[in-house]
């Protein structure tokens, strides 16, 4: 199981943050592949907004819900009480699922732990006394590192 991306979307639908897990040029990926994946995950994040607003959407204000599956990426979403939406894309791995079944863990438990960690880091970032004004976009190396730690539990 691999987290492909994490995105935070504001109450009014603006992307605040998108993190691609392992798709950086420093990791040996080609420049075109990294950009292609960034655009793909950005598009999937925006697609999730349509699902959040749909009448058939799962109730994502209480617990994370599977929004849709696209190109082998399982898109989960959660809406925080302040209206910020957390979107997580998961790529399944058969071996990991078999190991989890032996331990009575589920994919939703894993996604919930990721989303809980991302929410905590967002609140930590937004309540920082060193930051001024409303959050327009999160562009912080420290926040990137913290999200990376959450994802690579």
Protein backbone atom coordinates (compact mmCIF):
# COMPACT_ATOMS: atom_id res chain seq x y z
CA UNK A 1 0.00 0.00 0.00
CA UNK A 2 1.49 3.32 -1.01
CA UNK A 3 0.21 6.83 -0.53
CA UNK A 4 0.43 8.42 -3.98
CA UNK A 5 -0.57 11.93 -2.93
CA UNK A 6 -2.13 14.05 -0.23
CA UNK A 7 -3.94 17.29 -0.92
CA UNK A 8 -5.62 19.93 1.18
CA UNK A 9 -8.42 21.95 -0.38
CA UNK A 10 -9.91 25.10 1.13
CA UNK A 11 -13.58 25.56 1.97
CA UNK A 12 -14.10 27.48 -1.28
CA UNK A 13 -12.37 24.87 -3.48
CA UNK A 14 -8.88 26.35 -3.81
CA UNK A 15 -5.95 23.94 -3.56
CA UNK A 16 -3.90 24.77 -0.49
CA UNK A 17 -1.38 21.96 -0.71
CA UNK A 18 -0.55 18.92 -2.86
CA UNK A 19 2.14 16.43 -1.86
CA UNK A 20 3.35 13.74 -4.26
CA UNK A 21 4.92 10.87 -2.36
CA UNK A 22 8.18 9.83 -4.00
CA UNK A 23 7.68 11.68 -7.27
CA UNK A 24 10.47 14.21 -6.97
CA UNK A 25 13.32 14.66 -9.45
CA UNK A 26 15.90 14.04 -6.69
CA UNK A 27 14.62 10.47 -6.42
CA UNK A 28 15.81 9.67 -9.93
CA UNK A 29 12.47 10.08 -11.65
CA UNK A 30 12.50 11.77 -15.01
CA UNK A 31 11.45 15.40 -15.12
CA UNK A 32 8.50 14.62 -17.39
CA UNK A 33 7.25 11.78 -15.21
CA UNK A 34 7.29 13.93 -12.06
CA UNK A 35 5.37 16.74 -13.76
CA UNK A 36 2.93 14.27 -15.32
CA UNK A 37 2.16 12.70 -11.93
CA UNK A 38 1.83 16.12 -10.28
CA UNK A 39 -0.75 17.15 -12.90
CA UNK A 40 -2.54 13.79 -12.59
CA UNK A 41 -2.82 14.10 -8.80
CA UNK A 42 -3.86 17.73 -9.08
CA UNK A 43 -6.63 16.67 -11.49
CA UNK A 44 -7.74 13.84 -9.17
CA UNK A 45 -7.87 16.31 -6.27
CA UNK A 46 -10.14 18.60 -8.28
CA UNK A 47 -12.30 15.63 -9.33
CA UNK A 48 -12.79 14.83 -5.66
CA UNK A 49 -14.44 18.23 -5.18
CA UNK A 50 -17.23 17.13 -7.51
CA UNK A 51 -17.75 14.02 -5.38
CA UNK A 52 -17.73 16.02 -2.14
CA UNK A 53 -20.54 18.21 -3.54
CA UNK A 54 -22.53 15.31 -4.98
CA UNK A 55 -25.72 14.14 -3.31
CA UNK A 56 -24.42 10.56 -3.57
CA UNK A 57 -21.17 11.28 -1.73
CA UNK A 58 -20.34 9.34 1.41
CA UNK A 59 -20.57 11.25 4.69
CA UNK A 60 -16.97 12.41 4.98
CA UNK A 61 -17.44 14.76 7.91
CA UNK A 62 -17.44 11.92 10.45
CA UNK A 63 -14.91 9.52 8.97
CA UNK A 64 -12.89 9.16 5.76
CA UNK A 65 -14.76 7.71 2.82
CA UNK A 66 -13.81 6.19 -0.52
CA UNK A 67 -14.75 8.81 -3.10
CA UNK A 68 -13.77 7.06 -6.34
CA UNK A 69 -11.12 4.95 -8.08
CA UNK A 70 -9.24 6.29 -11.11
CA UNK A 71 -6.29 4.67 -12.93
CA UNK A 72 -5.64 2.28 -10.03
CA UNK A 73 -5.55 5.09 -7.47
CA UNK A 74 -8.12 4.82 -4.66
CA UNK A 75 -9.18 8.35 -3.66
CA UNK A 76 -10.31 8.84 -0.06
CA UNK A 77 -11.67 12.07 1.34
CA UNK A 78 -12.41 13.70 4.65
CA UNK A 79 -13.90 17.09 5.43
CA UNK A 80 -12.60 18.80 8.57
CA UNK A 81 -15.01 20.72 10.80
CA UNK A 82 -13.53 24.00 9.47
CA UNK A 83 -14.44 23.04 5.88
CA UNK A 84 -10.96 22.09 4.70
CA UNK A 85 -11.01 18.89 2.67
CA UNK A 86 -8.25 16.29 2.95
CA UNK A 87 -7.84 14.03 -0.08
CA UNK A 88 -5.55 10.98 -0.03
CA UNK A 89 -4.72 8.81 -3.04
CA UNK A 90 -3.72 5.20 -2.29
CA UNK A 91 -2.14 2.69 -4.66
CA UNK A 92 -2.91 -0.84 -3.45
CA UNK A 93 -0.34 -3.56 -3.08
CA UNK A 94 -1.60 -7.15 -2.88
CA UNK A 95 1.18 -8.28 -0.53
CA UNK A 96 0.44 -5.53 2.00
CA UNK A 97 -3.29 -6.29 1.95
CA UNK A 98 -2.58 -9.96 2.74
CA UNK A 99 -0.31 -8.97 5.66
CA UNK A 100 -3.00 -6.64 7.02
CA UNK A 101 -5.66 -9.34 6.81
CA UNK A 102 -3.49 -11.49 9.06
CA UNK A 103 -3.32 -8.63 11.61
CA UNK A 104 -7.04 -7.76 11.29
CA UNK A 105 -6.22 -4.29 9.93
CA UNK A 106 -8.16 -2.66 7.14
CA UNK A 107 -7.31 -0.16 4.45
CA UNK A 108 -9.71 2.31 6.06
CA UNK A 109 -7.76 2.09 9.36
CA UNK A 110 -4.59 2.94 7.45
CA UNK A 111 -6.23 5.84 5.58
CA UNK A 112 -7.76 7.15 8.82
CA UNK A 113 -4.34 7.20 10.50
CA UNK A 114 -2.88 9.11 7.52
CA UNK A 115 -5.74 11.63 7.48
CA UNK A 116 -5.59 12.11 11.26
CA UNK A 117 -1.88 12.89 11.00
CA UNK A 118 -2.39 15.30 8.09
CA UNK A 119 -5.19 17.10 9.99
CA UNK A 120 -2.97 17.47 13.07
CA UNK A 121 -0.12 18.89 10.97
CA UNK A 122 -2.50 21.30 9.22
CA UNK A 123 -3.83 22.59 12.53
CA UNK A 124 -0.29 22.89 13.83
CA UNK A 125 0.71 24.88 10.73
CA UNK A 126 -2.36 27.11 10.70
CA UNK A 127 -2.05 27.95 14.42
CA UNK A 128 1.64 28.82 14.24
CA UNK A 129 2.45 32.19 15.77
CA UNK A 130 5.12 32.73 13.07
CA UNK A 131 2.56 32.71 10.25
CA UNK A 132 0.56 35.81 9.36
CA UNK A 133 -2.81 36.20 7.66
CA UNK A 134 -5.12 33.62 6.13
CA UNK A 135 -3.70 30.54 4.43
CA UNK A 136 -3.67 31.04 0.67
CA UNK A 137 -1.20 28.27 -0.14
CA UNK A 138 1.09 26.09 1.94
CA UNK A 139 4.62 26.32 0.60
CA UNK A 140 6.84 25.13 3.43
CA UNK A 141 9.68 22.62 3.48
CA UNK A 142 9.01 21.94 7.16
CA UNK A 143 5.37 21.13 6.40
CA UNK A 144 6.53 18.84 3.55
CA UNK A 145 8.82 16.95 5.93
CA UNK A 146 6.08 16.57 8.52
CA UNK A 147 3.60 15.25 5.95
CA UNK A 148 6.28 12.87 4.66
CA UNK A 149 6.69 11.50 8.19
CA UNK A 150 2.93 11.04 8.51
CA UNK A 151 2.75 9.18 5.21
CA UNK A 152 5.72 6.92 5.90
CA UNK A 153 4.45 5.70 9.27
